[in-house]
N, C-alpha and C. Protein backbone atom coordinates (compact mmCIF):
# COMPACT_ATOMS: atom_id res chain seq x y z
N MET A 1 -18.27 -51.54 2.74
CA MET A 1 -17.15 -52.48 2.55
C MET A 1 -17.59 -53.89 2.98
N LYS A 2 -17.21 -54.90 2.21
CA LYS A 2 -17.54 -56.28 2.56
C LYS A 2 -16.75 -56.73 3.78
N ASP A 3 -17.35 -57.64 4.56
CA ASP A 3 -16.61 -58.22 5.67
C ASP A 3 -15.73 -59.35 5.16
N ALA A 4 -14.89 -59.89 6.05
CA ALA A 4 -13.91 -60.91 5.65
C ALA A 4 -14.60 -62.14 5.09
N TYR A 5 -15.68 -62.54 5.73
CA TYR A 5 -16.43 -63.72 5.27
C TYR A 5 -16.90 -63.53 3.83
N SER A 6 -17.52 -62.39 3.55
CA SER A 6 -18.05 -62.12 2.21
C SER A 6 -16.93 -62.04 1.17
N MET A 7 -15.79 -61.47 1.57
CA MET A 7 -14.68 -61.33 0.62
C MET A 7 -14.09 -62.70 0.25
N ILE A 8 -13.94 -63.57 1.24
CA ILE A 8 -13.40 -64.91 0.95
C ILE A 8 -14.40 -65.70 0.12
N LEU A 9 -15.67 -65.61 0.48
CA LEU A 9 -16.71 -66.33 -0.25
C LEU A 9 -16.78 -65.86 -1.70
N SER A 10 -16.67 -64.55 -1.91
CA SER A 10 -16.69 -64.00 -3.27
C SER A 10 -15.49 -64.47 -4.07
N ALA A 11 -14.33 -64.58 -3.40
CA ALA A 11 -13.12 -65.05 -4.08
C ALA A 11 -13.26 -66.51 -4.50
N ILE A 12 -13.89 -67.32 -3.66
CA ILE A 12 -14.14 -68.72 -4.02
C ILE A 12 -15.11 -68.79 -5.18
N ASP A 13 -16.17 -67.99 -5.09
CA ASP A 13 -17.19 -67.97 -6.14
C ASP A 13 -16.61 -67.53 -7.48
N ALA A 14 -15.66 -66.59 -7.44
CA ALA A 14 -15.06 -66.07 -8.67
C ALA A 14 -13.96 -66.98 -9.21
N GLY A 15 -13.62 -68.03 -8.46
CA GLY A 15 -12.60 -68.95 -8.93
C GLY A 15 -11.18 -68.55 -8.57
N VAL A 16 -11.05 -67.49 -7.75
CA VAL A 16 -9.71 -67.08 -7.30
C VAL A 16 -9.10 -68.22 -6.48
N TYR A 17 -9.93 -68.82 -5.65
CA TYR A 17 -9.52 -70.01 -4.89
C TYR A 17 -10.34 -71.19 -5.40
N GLN A 18 -9.65 -72.23 -5.85
CA GLN A 18 -10.28 -73.40 -6.44
C GLN A 18 -10.38 -74.53 -5.42
N PRO A 19 -11.30 -75.49 -5.65
CA PRO A 19 -11.36 -76.65 -4.77
C PRO A 19 -9.98 -77.29 -4.61
N GLY A 20 -9.60 -77.53 -3.35
CA GLY A 20 -8.29 -78.11 -3.06
C GLY A 20 -7.23 -77.07 -2.71
N ASP A 21 -7.50 -75.79 -2.97
CA ASP A 21 -6.54 -74.74 -2.63
C ASP A 21 -6.48 -74.53 -1.12
N ARG A 22 -5.27 -74.33 -0.61
CA ARG A 22 -5.06 -74.11 0.82
C ARG A 22 -5.24 -72.64 1.14
N LEU A 23 -5.97 -72.34 2.21
CA LEU A 23 -6.20 -70.96 2.63
C LEU A 23 -5.40 -70.69 3.90
N VAL A 24 -4.56 -69.65 3.84
CA VAL A 24 -3.67 -69.31 4.95
C VAL A 24 -4.09 -67.96 5.52
N GLU A 25 -4.28 -67.91 6.83
CA GLU A 25 -4.77 -66.70 7.50
C GLU A 25 -3.95 -65.46 7.14
N SER A 26 -2.64 -65.57 7.25
CA SER A 26 -1.79 -64.40 7.03
C SER A 26 -1.88 -63.91 5.59
N GLU A 27 -1.93 -64.84 4.65
CA GLU A 27 -2.02 -64.45 3.23
C GLU A 27 -3.36 -63.80 2.93
N LEU A 28 -4.43 -64.33 3.51
CA LEU A 28 -5.75 -63.75 3.30
C LEU A 28 -5.86 -62.37 3.93
N ALA A 29 -5.28 -62.22 5.11
CA ALA A 29 -5.32 -60.92 5.80
C ALA A 29 -4.61 -59.85 4.96
N GLU A 30 -3.46 -60.23 4.39
CA GLU A 30 -2.72 -59.29 3.55
C GLU A 30 -3.48 -59.00 2.26
N ARG A 31 -4.05 -60.01 1.67
CA ARG A 31 -4.77 -59.84 0.40
C ARG A 31 -5.97 -58.90 0.54
N PHE A 32 -6.72 -59.08 1.63
CA PHE A 32 -7.95 -58.32 1.79
C PHE A 32 -7.81 -57.09 2.68
N GLY A 33 -6.61 -56.90 3.22
CA GLY A 33 -6.36 -55.68 3.99
C GLY A 33 -7.08 -55.63 5.32
N VAL A 34 -7.20 -56.78 5.98
CA VAL A 34 -7.85 -56.83 7.29
C VAL A 34 -6.94 -57.60 8.25
N SER A 35 -7.29 -57.54 9.54
CA SER A 35 -6.48 -58.25 10.53
C SER A 35 -6.79 -59.75 10.48
N ARG A 36 -5.98 -60.52 11.18
CA ARG A 36 -6.15 -61.97 11.12
C ARG A 36 -7.36 -62.46 11.91
N THR A 37 -7.81 -61.69 12.90
CA THR A 37 -8.94 -62.13 13.73
C THR A 37 -10.22 -62.31 12.91
N PRO A 38 -10.65 -61.30 12.12
CA PRO A 38 -11.86 -61.53 11.31
C PRO A 38 -11.66 -62.61 10.24
N ILE A 39 -10.41 -62.76 9.76
CA ILE A 39 -10.13 -63.83 8.79
C ILE A 39 -10.32 -65.19 9.45
N ARG A 40 -9.80 -65.33 10.67
CA ARG A 40 -9.93 -66.60 11.41
C ARG A 40 -11.40 -66.92 11.66
N GLU A 41 -12.18 -65.92 12.06
CA GLU A 41 -13.61 -66.12 12.31
C GLU A 41 -14.34 -66.50 11.02
N ALA A 42 -13.95 -65.87 9.91
CA ALA A 42 -14.58 -66.16 8.63
C ALA A 42 -14.27 -67.59 8.18
N LEU A 43 -13.03 -68.02 8.38
CA LEU A 43 -12.64 -69.38 8.01
C LEU A 43 -13.39 -70.41 8.83
N GLN A 44 -13.57 -70.14 10.12
CA GLN A 44 -14.32 -71.05 10.97
C GLN A 44 -15.77 -71.15 10.51
N ARG A 45 -16.34 -70.02 10.13
CA ARG A 45 -17.73 -70.00 9.64
C ARG A 45 -17.86 -70.79 8.34
N LEU A 46 -16.92 -70.59 7.45
CA LEU A 46 -16.94 -71.30 6.16
C LEU A 46 -16.73 -72.80 6.36
N GLU A 47 -15.95 -73.17 7.36
CA GLU A 47 -15.75 -74.59 7.64
C GLU A 47 -17.04 -75.22 8.15
N THR A 48 -17.76 -74.52 9.03
CA THR A 48 -19.03 -75.07 9.55
C THR A 48 -20.07 -75.19 8.44
N GLN A 49 -19.94 -74.37 7.38
CA GLN A 49 -20.87 -74.42 6.26
C GLN A 49 -20.41 -75.40 5.18
N ALA A 50 -19.33 -76.14 5.48
CA ALA A 50 -18.78 -77.16 4.57
C ALA A 50 -18.21 -76.56 3.28
N MET A 51 -17.91 -75.26 3.31
CA MET A 51 -17.24 -74.64 2.17
C MET A 51 -15.74 -74.91 2.22
N LEU A 52 -15.23 -75.17 3.44
CA LEU A 52 -13.82 -75.50 3.64
C LEU A 52 -13.75 -76.84 4.37
N SER A 53 -12.65 -77.54 4.16
CA SER A 53 -12.45 -78.81 4.85
C SER A 53 -11.03 -78.86 5.41
N ARG A 54 -10.80 -79.78 6.34
CA ARG A 54 -9.49 -79.92 6.98
C ARG A 54 -8.60 -80.87 6.20
N ASP A 55 -7.35 -80.47 6.06
CA ASP A 55 -6.32 -81.33 5.50
C ASP A 55 -5.15 -81.26 6.47
N GLY A 56 -5.18 -82.14 7.48
CA GLY A 56 -4.21 -82.01 8.56
C GLY A 56 -4.57 -80.79 9.39
N ARG A 57 -3.65 -79.87 9.52
CA ARG A 57 -3.91 -78.64 10.27
C ARG A 57 -4.33 -77.51 9.36
N SER A 58 -4.34 -77.76 8.07
CA SER A 58 -4.68 -76.71 7.10
C SER A 58 -6.15 -76.75 6.71
N LEU A 59 -6.65 -75.60 6.28
CA LEU A 59 -8.00 -75.50 5.73
C LEU A 59 -7.88 -75.35 4.22
N ILE A 60 -8.64 -76.16 3.49
CA ILE A 60 -8.63 -76.07 2.04
C ILE A 60 -10.06 -75.88 1.54
N VAL A 61 -10.16 -75.32 0.35
CA VAL A 61 -11.47 -75.19 -0.28
C VAL A 61 -12.01 -76.58 -0.55
N ALA A 62 -13.23 -76.84 -0.10
CA ALA A 62 -13.81 -78.18 -0.20
C ALA A 62 -14.01 -78.61 -1.65
N THR A 63 -14.02 -79.90 -1.85
CA THR A 63 -14.27 -80.50 -3.16
C THR A 63 -15.52 -81.37 -3.06
N LEU A 64 -16.42 -81.25 -4.02
CA LEU A 64 -17.63 -82.07 -4.03
C LEU A 64 -17.38 -83.37 -4.79
N ASP A 65 -17.73 -84.49 -4.18
CA ASP A 65 -17.60 -85.76 -4.90
C ASP A 65 -18.86 -86.00 -5.75
N HIS A 66 -18.88 -87.10 -6.48
CA HIS A 66 -19.98 -87.36 -7.41
C HIS A 66 -21.33 -87.40 -6.69
N THR A 67 -21.38 -88.06 -5.54
CA THR A 67 -22.64 -88.18 -4.81
C THR A 67 -23.13 -86.81 -4.34
N GLN A 68 -22.22 -86.00 -3.83
CA GLN A 68 -22.60 -84.65 -3.38
C GLN A 68 -23.11 -83.80 -4.55
N LEU A 69 -22.44 -83.92 -5.71
CA LEU A 69 -22.89 -83.18 -6.89
C LEU A 69 -24.29 -83.60 -7.30
N ALA A 70 -24.54 -84.91 -7.31
CA ALA A 70 -25.85 -85.42 -7.70
C ALA A 70 -26.93 -84.91 -6.75
N GLU A 71 -26.63 -84.93 -5.46
CA GLU A 71 -27.59 -84.44 -4.47
C GLU A 71 -27.85 -82.94 -4.65
N LEU A 72 -26.78 -82.21 -4.94
CA LEU A 72 -26.91 -80.76 -5.13
C LEU A 72 -27.79 -80.44 -6.34
N TYR A 73 -27.59 -81.17 -7.44
CA TYR A 73 -28.39 -80.91 -8.63
C TYR A 73 -29.86 -81.27 -8.42
N ILE A 74 -30.14 -82.31 -7.63
CA ILE A 74 -31.52 -82.67 -7.32
C ILE A 74 -32.21 -81.54 -6.56
N VAL A 75 -31.55 -81.05 -5.53
CA VAL A 75 -32.13 -79.96 -4.73
C VAL A 75 -32.26 -78.70 -5.57
N ARG A 76 -31.23 -78.42 -6.37
CA ARG A 76 -31.27 -77.23 -7.21
C ARG A 76 -32.45 -77.28 -8.18
N ALA A 77 -32.65 -78.42 -8.81
CA ALA A 77 -33.73 -78.54 -9.79
C ALA A 77 -35.09 -78.28 -9.14
N GLU A 78 -35.30 -78.85 -7.95
CA GLU A 78 -36.58 -78.68 -7.27
C GLU A 78 -36.81 -77.23 -6.86
N LEU A 79 -35.81 -76.62 -6.25
CA LEU A 79 -35.97 -75.25 -5.76
C LEU A 79 -36.06 -74.24 -6.91
N GLU A 80 -35.24 -74.44 -7.94
CA GLU A 80 -35.28 -73.50 -9.07
C GLU A 80 -36.57 -73.64 -9.87
N ALA A 81 -37.09 -74.86 -9.98
CA ALA A 81 -38.36 -75.05 -10.66
C ALA A 81 -39.48 -74.33 -9.91
N LEU A 82 -39.44 -74.40 -8.58
CA LEU A 82 -40.40 -73.66 -7.77
C LEU A 82 -40.26 -72.16 -8.00
N ALA A 83 -39.02 -71.68 -8.05
CA ALA A 83 -38.79 -70.26 -8.30
C ALA A 83 -39.35 -69.85 -9.66
N ALA A 84 -39.16 -70.70 -10.66
CA ALA A 84 -39.66 -70.38 -12.00
C ALA A 84 -41.19 -70.33 -12.02
N ARG A 85 -41.84 -71.27 -11.32
CA ARG A 85 -43.30 -71.27 -11.25
C ARG A 85 -43.81 -69.99 -10.58
N LEU A 86 -43.18 -69.64 -9.46
CA LEU A 86 -43.61 -68.43 -8.75
C LEU A 86 -43.33 -67.17 -9.56
N ALA A 87 -42.18 -67.17 -10.29
CA ALA A 87 -41.86 -66.02 -11.13
C ALA A 87 -42.90 -65.85 -12.24
N ALA A 88 -43.39 -66.98 -12.79
CA ALA A 88 -44.41 -66.91 -13.83
C ALA A 88 -45.69 -66.26 -13.29
N ARG A 89 -45.91 -66.40 -12.00
CA ARG A 89 -47.12 -65.83 -11.39
C ARG A 89 -46.91 -64.39 -10.91
N HIS A 90 -45.67 -64.08 -10.48
CA HIS A 90 -45.47 -62.82 -9.77
C HIS A 90 -44.49 -61.83 -10.42
N ALA A 91 -43.72 -62.27 -11.41
CA ALA A 91 -42.72 -61.36 -12.01
C ALA A 91 -43.40 -60.15 -12.64
N THR A 92 -42.81 -58.99 -12.46
CA THR A 92 -43.33 -57.78 -13.09
C THR A 92 -42.84 -57.72 -14.54
N PRO A 93 -43.50 -56.95 -15.38
CA PRO A 93 -43.02 -56.79 -16.77
C PRO A 93 -41.58 -56.30 -16.82
N GLU A 94 -41.20 -55.44 -15.87
CA GLU A 94 -39.83 -54.92 -15.83
C GLU A 94 -38.84 -56.05 -15.55
N GLU A 95 -39.18 -56.94 -14.63
CA GLU A 95 -38.29 -58.06 -14.31
C GLU A 95 -38.13 -58.99 -15.50
N VAL A 96 -39.21 -59.22 -16.22
CA VAL A 96 -39.13 -60.09 -17.40
C VAL A 96 -38.24 -59.45 -18.46
N ARG A 97 -38.37 -58.14 -18.64
CA ARG A 97 -37.52 -57.45 -19.64
C ARG A 97 -36.06 -57.50 -19.24
N VAL A 98 -35.77 -57.38 -17.95
CA VAL A 98 -34.38 -57.46 -17.48
C VAL A 98 -33.81 -58.84 -17.78
N MET A 99 -34.56 -59.89 -17.51
CA MET A 99 -34.08 -61.25 -17.79
C MET A 99 -33.85 -61.46 -19.29
N ALA A 100 -34.76 -60.95 -20.10
CA ALA A 100 -34.62 -61.09 -21.55
C ALA A 100 -33.37 -60.36 -22.04
N GLN A 101 -33.10 -59.19 -21.46
CA GLN A 101 -31.92 -58.43 -21.86
C GLN A 101 -30.64 -59.13 -21.43
N MET A 102 -30.68 -59.79 -20.27
CA MET A 102 -29.51 -60.54 -19.81
C MET A 102 -29.16 -61.65 -20.79
N VAL A 103 -30.18 -62.35 -21.29
CA VAL A 103 -29.94 -63.41 -22.27
C VAL A 103 -29.32 -62.84 -23.54
N ALA A 104 -29.87 -61.72 -24.02
CA ALA A 104 -29.36 -61.08 -25.24
C ALA A 104 -27.91 -60.64 -25.05
N ASP A 105 -27.61 -60.06 -23.90
CA ASP A 105 -26.24 -59.59 -23.63
C ASP A 105 -25.26 -60.76 -23.55
N ASP A 106 -25.70 -61.87 -22.97
CA ASP A 106 -24.82 -63.02 -22.78
C ASP A 106 -24.42 -63.67 -24.11
N ARG A 107 -25.22 -63.48 -25.14
CA ARG A 107 -24.89 -64.07 -26.46
C ARG A 107 -23.62 -63.45 -27.05
N LYS A 108 -23.21 -62.31 -26.52
CA LYS A 108 -21.98 -61.67 -26.99
C LYS A 108 -20.73 -62.33 -26.39
N HIS A 109 -20.93 -63.22 -25.43
CA HIS A 109 -19.79 -63.79 -24.70
C HIS A 109 -19.74 -65.31 -24.79
N LEU A 110 -20.17 -65.86 -25.91
CA LEU A 110 -20.24 -67.32 -26.05
C LEU A 110 -18.88 -67.99 -25.97
N ASN A 111 -17.82 -67.26 -26.30
CA ASN A 111 -16.47 -67.85 -26.27
C ASN A 111 -15.72 -67.53 -24.98
N GLU A 112 -16.47 -67.08 -23.97
CA GLU A 112 -15.86 -66.73 -22.69
C GLU A 112 -16.59 -67.49 -21.57
N PRO A 113 -16.29 -68.79 -21.41
CA PRO A 113 -17.05 -69.61 -20.46
C PRO A 113 -17.02 -69.12 -19.02
N ARG A 114 -15.88 -68.59 -18.57
CA ARG A 114 -15.82 -68.12 -17.18
C ARG A 114 -16.73 -66.91 -16.97
N LEU A 115 -16.73 -66.00 -17.96
CA LEU A 115 -17.62 -64.85 -17.87
C LEU A 115 -19.07 -65.30 -17.96
N LEU A 116 -19.35 -66.24 -18.85
CA LEU A 116 -20.71 -66.79 -18.96
C LEU A 116 -21.15 -67.44 -17.66
N ALA A 117 -20.24 -68.09 -16.97
CA ALA A 117 -20.58 -68.73 -15.71
C ALA A 117 -21.03 -67.70 -14.69
N ARG A 118 -20.34 -66.54 -14.66
CA ARG A 118 -20.73 -65.47 -13.73
C ARG A 118 -22.07 -64.87 -14.11
N THR A 119 -22.26 -64.60 -15.41
CA THR A 119 -23.53 -64.01 -15.83
C THR A 119 -24.67 -65.02 -15.70
N ASN A 120 -24.34 -66.31 -15.80
CA ASN A 120 -25.34 -67.36 -15.60
C ASN A 120 -25.86 -67.32 -14.17
N ARG A 121 -24.95 -67.13 -13.21
CA ARG A 121 -25.37 -67.03 -11.81
C ARG A 121 -26.27 -65.82 -11.60
N ARG A 122 -25.93 -64.70 -12.26
CA ARG A 122 -26.76 -63.50 -12.12
C ARG A 122 -28.15 -63.72 -12.72
N PHE A 123 -28.20 -64.43 -13.86
CA PHE A 123 -29.48 -64.70 -14.50
C PHE A 123 -30.37 -65.54 -13.59
N HIS A 124 -29.80 -66.60 -13.04
CA HIS A 124 -30.59 -67.47 -12.16
C HIS A 124 -31.02 -66.73 -10.91
N HIS A 125 -30.14 -65.87 -10.39
CA HIS A 125 -30.51 -65.08 -9.21
C HIS A 125 -31.68 -64.15 -9.54
N GLN A 126 -31.72 -63.65 -10.75
CA GLN A 126 -32.83 -62.79 -11.16
C GLN A 126 -34.15 -63.56 -11.15
N ILE A 127 -34.11 -64.82 -11.57
CA ILE A 127 -35.30 -65.67 -11.49
C ILE A 127 -35.72 -65.84 -10.03
N HIS A 128 -34.73 -66.09 -9.17
CA HIS A 128 -35.03 -66.26 -7.74
C HIS A 128 -35.74 -65.02 -7.19
N LEU A 129 -35.21 -63.85 -7.52
CA LEU A 129 -35.80 -62.60 -7.03
C LEU A 129 -37.21 -62.41 -7.59
N ALA A 130 -37.41 -62.81 -8.84
CA ALA A 130 -38.72 -62.65 -9.48
C ALA A 130 -39.77 -63.56 -8.88
N SER A 131 -39.35 -64.54 -8.06
CA SER A 131 -40.32 -65.40 -7.38
C SER A 131 -41.04 -64.63 -6.28
N HIS A 132 -40.41 -63.56 -5.81
CA HIS A 132 -40.96 -62.72 -4.74
C HIS A 132 -41.25 -63.55 -3.48
N ASN A 133 -40.31 -64.46 -3.19
CA ASN A 133 -40.41 -65.26 -1.98
C ASN A 133 -39.05 -65.26 -1.29
N ARG A 134 -38.93 -64.47 -0.24
CA ARG A 134 -37.62 -64.25 0.40
C ARG A 134 -37.01 -65.54 0.96
N TYR A 135 -37.86 -66.46 1.45
CA TYR A 135 -37.34 -67.69 2.05
C TYR A 135 -36.79 -68.63 0.97
N LEU A 136 -37.42 -68.64 -0.16
CA LEU A 136 -36.91 -69.43 -1.28
C LEU A 136 -35.59 -68.85 -1.78
N VAL A 137 -35.52 -67.53 -1.85
CA VAL A 137 -34.27 -66.88 -2.29
C VAL A 137 -33.12 -67.24 -1.35
N GLN A 138 -33.39 -67.26 -0.05
CA GLN A 138 -32.35 -67.60 0.93
C GLN A 138 -31.85 -69.03 0.72
N GLN A 139 -32.77 -69.96 0.50
CA GLN A 139 -32.37 -71.35 0.30
C GLN A 139 -31.58 -71.53 -0.99
N LEU A 140 -31.99 -70.82 -2.03
CA LEU A 140 -31.27 -70.93 -3.31
C LEU A 140 -29.89 -70.28 -3.22
N ASP A 141 -29.76 -69.26 -2.39
CA ASP A 141 -28.44 -68.67 -2.18
C ASP A 141 -27.49 -69.71 -1.58
N LEU A 142 -27.98 -70.52 -0.67
CA LEU A 142 -27.16 -71.57 -0.06
C LEU A 142 -26.74 -72.61 -1.11
N VAL A 143 -27.70 -72.99 -1.96
CA VAL A 143 -27.41 -73.97 -3.01
C VAL A 143 -26.34 -73.42 -3.96
N HIS A 144 -26.51 -72.19 -4.39
CA HIS A 144 -25.56 -71.62 -5.36
C HIS A 144 -24.21 -71.35 -4.72
N ARG A 145 -24.19 -71.12 -3.42
CA ARG A 145 -22.91 -70.99 -2.73
C ARG A 145 -22.13 -72.30 -2.83
N SER A 146 -22.82 -73.42 -2.62
CA SER A 146 -22.16 -74.73 -2.72
C SER A 146 -21.70 -75.01 -4.14
N MET A 147 -22.40 -74.47 -5.14
CA MET A 147 -22.02 -74.70 -6.52
C MET A 147 -20.68 -74.06 -6.88
N ALA A 148 -20.26 -73.10 -6.05
CA ALA A 148 -18.94 -72.49 -6.27
C ALA A 148 -17.82 -73.50 -6.04
N LEU A 149 -18.14 -74.64 -5.41
CA LEU A 149 -17.13 -75.66 -5.12
C LEU A 149 -16.91 -76.60 -6.29
N MET A 150 -17.61 -76.40 -7.40
CA MET A 150 -17.40 -77.24 -8.58
C MET A 150 -16.16 -76.75 -9.32
N ALA A 151 -15.31 -77.67 -9.67
CA ALA A 151 -14.00 -77.33 -10.23
C ALA A 151 -14.08 -76.72 -11.63
N ARG A 152 -15.13 -77.06 -12.38
CA ARG A 152 -15.24 -76.54 -13.74
C ARG A 152 -16.68 -76.16 -14.03
N THR A 153 -16.88 -75.30 -15.02
CA THR A 153 -18.23 -74.92 -15.42
C THR A 153 -18.68 -75.76 -16.61
N SER A 154 -19.93 -76.20 -16.59
CA SER A 154 -20.46 -76.96 -17.73
C SER A 154 -20.54 -76.10 -18.98
N LEU A 155 -20.49 -74.77 -18.79
CA LEU A 155 -20.56 -73.85 -19.93
C LEU A 155 -19.28 -73.86 -20.76
N ALA A 156 -18.23 -74.52 -20.23
CA ALA A 156 -16.97 -74.62 -20.98
C ALA A 156 -17.04 -75.72 -22.03
N ALA A 157 -18.04 -76.59 -21.93
CA ALA A 157 -18.18 -77.68 -22.91
C ALA A 157 -18.54 -77.10 -24.28
N GLU A 158 -17.98 -77.70 -25.33
CA GLU A 158 -18.19 -77.19 -26.68
C GLU A 158 -19.68 -77.12 -27.02
N GLY A 159 -20.13 -75.94 -27.42
CA GLY A 159 -21.50 -75.74 -27.84
C GLY A 159 -22.50 -75.55 -26.72
N ARG A 160 -22.08 -75.79 -25.47
CA ARG A 160 -23.02 -75.71 -24.35
C ARG A 160 -23.52 -74.29 -24.10
N GLY A 161 -22.65 -73.30 -24.28
CA GLY A 161 -23.03 -71.91 -24.01
C GLY A 161 -24.24 -71.48 -24.83
N ALA A 162 -24.19 -71.73 -26.13
CA ALA A 162 -25.28 -71.32 -27.01
C ALA A 162 -26.57 -72.05 -26.67
N VAL A 163 -26.46 -73.35 -26.40
CA VAL A 163 -27.65 -74.14 -26.05
C VAL A 163 -28.23 -73.66 -24.73
N ALA A 164 -27.36 -73.39 -23.76
CA ALA A 164 -27.82 -72.92 -22.45
C ALA A 164 -28.58 -71.60 -22.56
N LEU A 165 -28.10 -70.72 -23.43
CA LEU A 165 -28.78 -69.44 -23.60
C LEU A 165 -30.12 -69.61 -24.28
N ASP A 166 -30.22 -70.57 -25.20
CA ASP A 166 -31.53 -70.88 -25.78
C ASP A 166 -32.48 -71.39 -24.69
N GLU A 167 -31.94 -72.19 -23.78
CA GLU A 167 -32.75 -72.68 -22.67
C GLU A 167 -33.17 -71.54 -21.75
N HIS A 168 -32.26 -70.59 -21.52
CA HIS A 168 -32.60 -69.41 -20.74
C HIS A 168 -33.75 -68.64 -21.39
N GLN A 169 -33.67 -68.51 -22.71
CA GLN A 169 -34.72 -67.78 -23.42
C GLN A 169 -36.07 -68.49 -23.27
N ASP A 170 -36.07 -69.81 -23.32
CA ASP A 170 -37.31 -70.57 -23.13
C ASP A 170 -37.91 -70.31 -21.75
N ILE A 171 -37.04 -70.23 -20.75
CA ILE A 171 -37.50 -69.96 -19.38
C ILE A 171 -38.11 -68.56 -19.30
N VAL A 172 -37.42 -67.58 -19.88
CA VAL A 172 -37.92 -66.20 -19.86
C VAL A 172 -39.26 -66.11 -20.58
N ASP A 173 -39.37 -66.76 -21.73
CA ASP A 173 -40.61 -66.73 -22.50
C ASP A 173 -41.78 -67.29 -21.69
N ALA A 174 -41.52 -68.39 -20.99
CA ALA A 174 -42.58 -69.01 -20.18
C ALA A 174 -42.98 -68.11 -19.01
N ILE A 175 -41.98 -67.52 -18.36
CA ILE A 175 -42.27 -66.60 -17.25
C ILE A 175 -43.04 -65.39 -17.76
N GLY A 176 -42.59 -64.85 -18.88
CA GLY A 176 -43.26 -63.69 -19.46
C GLY A 176 -44.69 -63.98 -19.85
N ALA A 177 -44.96 -65.21 -20.26
CA ALA A 177 -46.31 -65.61 -20.66
C ALA A 177 -47.18 -65.95 -19.45
N GLY A 178 -46.59 -65.95 -18.26
CA GLY A 178 -47.33 -66.29 -17.06
C GLY A 178 -47.70 -67.76 -16.99
N ASP A 179 -46.94 -68.61 -17.70
CA ASP A 179 -47.23 -70.04 -17.77
C ASP A 179 -46.35 -70.79 -16.77
N ALA A 180 -46.87 -71.01 -15.58
CA ALA A 180 -46.08 -71.61 -14.51
C ALA A 180 -45.64 -73.03 -14.84
N GLN A 181 -46.51 -73.80 -15.46
CA GLN A 181 -46.16 -75.18 -15.79
C GLN A 181 -45.05 -75.23 -16.83
N ARG A 182 -45.12 -74.37 -17.83
CA ARG A 182 -44.08 -74.35 -18.86
C ARG A 182 -42.77 -73.83 -18.29
N ALA A 183 -42.83 -72.85 -17.39
CA ALA A 183 -41.62 -72.33 -16.76
C ALA A 183 -40.93 -73.41 -15.94
N ASP A 184 -41.74 -74.18 -15.20
CA ASP A 184 -41.22 -75.30 -14.41
C ASP A 184 -40.52 -76.30 -15.33
N LYS A 185 -41.17 -76.68 -16.40
CA LYS A 185 -40.61 -77.68 -17.33
C LYS A 185 -39.33 -77.17 -17.99
N ALA A 186 -39.32 -75.90 -18.40
CA ALA A 186 -38.15 -75.33 -19.07
C ALA A 186 -36.96 -75.26 -18.11
N LEU A 187 -37.24 -74.90 -16.86
CA LEU A 187 -36.16 -74.80 -15.87
C LEU A 187 -35.60 -76.18 -15.55
N ARG A 188 -36.47 -77.16 -15.36
CA ARG A 188 -36.00 -78.52 -15.07
C ARG A 188 -35.17 -79.08 -16.23
N HIS A 189 -35.60 -78.81 -17.44
CA HIS A 189 -34.84 -79.27 -18.62
C HIS A 189 -33.46 -78.63 -18.63
N HIS A 190 -33.40 -77.36 -18.32
CA HIS A 190 -32.13 -76.62 -18.31
C HIS A 190 -31.16 -77.22 -17.29
N ILE A 191 -31.64 -77.48 -16.08
CA ILE A 191 -30.79 -78.06 -15.04
C ILE A 191 -30.37 -79.47 -15.41
N SER A 192 -31.28 -80.24 -16.01
CA SER A 192 -30.97 -81.61 -16.43
C SER A 192 -29.86 -81.62 -17.48
N MET A 193 -29.93 -80.70 -18.44
CA MET A 193 -28.91 -80.63 -19.48
C MET A 193 -27.56 -80.20 -18.91
N ALA A 194 -27.58 -79.30 -17.95
CA ALA A 194 -26.33 -78.86 -17.30
C ALA A 194 -25.69 -80.03 -16.55
N TRP A 195 -26.51 -80.82 -15.86
CA TRP A 195 -26.01 -81.98 -15.11
C TRP A 195 -25.45 -83.04 -16.06
N GLU A 196 -26.17 -83.29 -17.15
CA GLU A 196 -25.70 -84.27 -18.13
C GLU A 196 -24.37 -83.82 -18.73
N THR A 197 -24.25 -82.54 -19.03
CA THR A 197 -23.00 -82.01 -19.58
C THR A 197 -21.86 -82.19 -18.60
N ARG A 198 -22.13 -81.94 -17.32
CA ARG A 198 -21.09 -82.09 -16.31
C ARG A 198 -20.66 -83.55 -16.17
N LEU A 199 -21.61 -84.46 -16.24
CA LEU A 199 -21.28 -85.88 -16.17
C LEU A 199 -20.36 -86.28 -17.33
N LYS A 200 -20.64 -85.76 -18.51
CA LYS A 200 -19.80 -86.06 -19.66
C LYS A 200 -18.41 -85.47 -19.48
N GLN A 201 -18.33 -84.25 -18.93
CA GLN A 201 -17.03 -83.62 -18.67
C GLN A 201 -16.21 -84.47 -17.70
N ASP A 202 -16.86 -84.91 -16.63
CA ASP A 202 -16.16 -85.71 -15.62
C ASP A 202 -15.70 -87.06 -16.19
N ALA A 203 -16.56 -87.65 -17.03
CA ALA A 203 -16.19 -88.94 -17.63
C ALA A 203 -14.98 -88.79 -18.54
N ALA A 204 -14.96 -87.69 -19.30
CA ALA A 204 -13.83 -87.44 -20.21
C ALA A 204 -12.55 -87.16 -19.43
N ALA A 205 -12.68 -86.49 -18.28
CA ALA A 205 -11.51 -86.16 -17.47
C ALA A 205 -10.91 -87.40 -16.82
N ASP A 206 -11.74 -88.43 -16.63
CA ASP A 206 -11.25 -89.65 -15.97
C ASP A 206 -10.52 -90.59 -16.94
N VAL A 207 -10.63 -90.32 -18.23
CA VAL A 207 -10.01 -91.20 -19.24
C VAL A 207 -8.50 -91.05 -19.21
């Protein structure tokens, strides 16, 4: 069974709680079927990790501003590119086949951006694991945890899902070929396109 911290974090990651949503101890305890003490400890831990912020006496799911998003994408691009390079060197044939199958399966869900967002996280996590570097995986877990604080997915943009999956396939092909330089380039391009799409989404929302 998951602990209170993991359950709240998973709910944020799944979009059950959105940036700006208020989290109340009693409601969380009832929802997850645990006492208020572990909920309180979990909320304090999430606050220290900047996943939650204070709004008066209340705790709310944190919101990333433009500068924070830009910083996050820079770090993500560097760490994920490293993971792709290492995966090109160390991924087993079985791991490459799993990634290829994930891309094929995701093409069935092009009109379901929220589902694609979840499977996208699983795909990237598979690349992290294929790097066979536990310390890199830990750091990328922290980055992707912060990405749960983004209010919308870039995969919701018209046509982005199909293009993103083509980019995923390019990454898998490079890893499968053992071409670390090409895997690095494909991964960086993928993250750059996701960031550009998000910038366009934000610009349109401000109009």
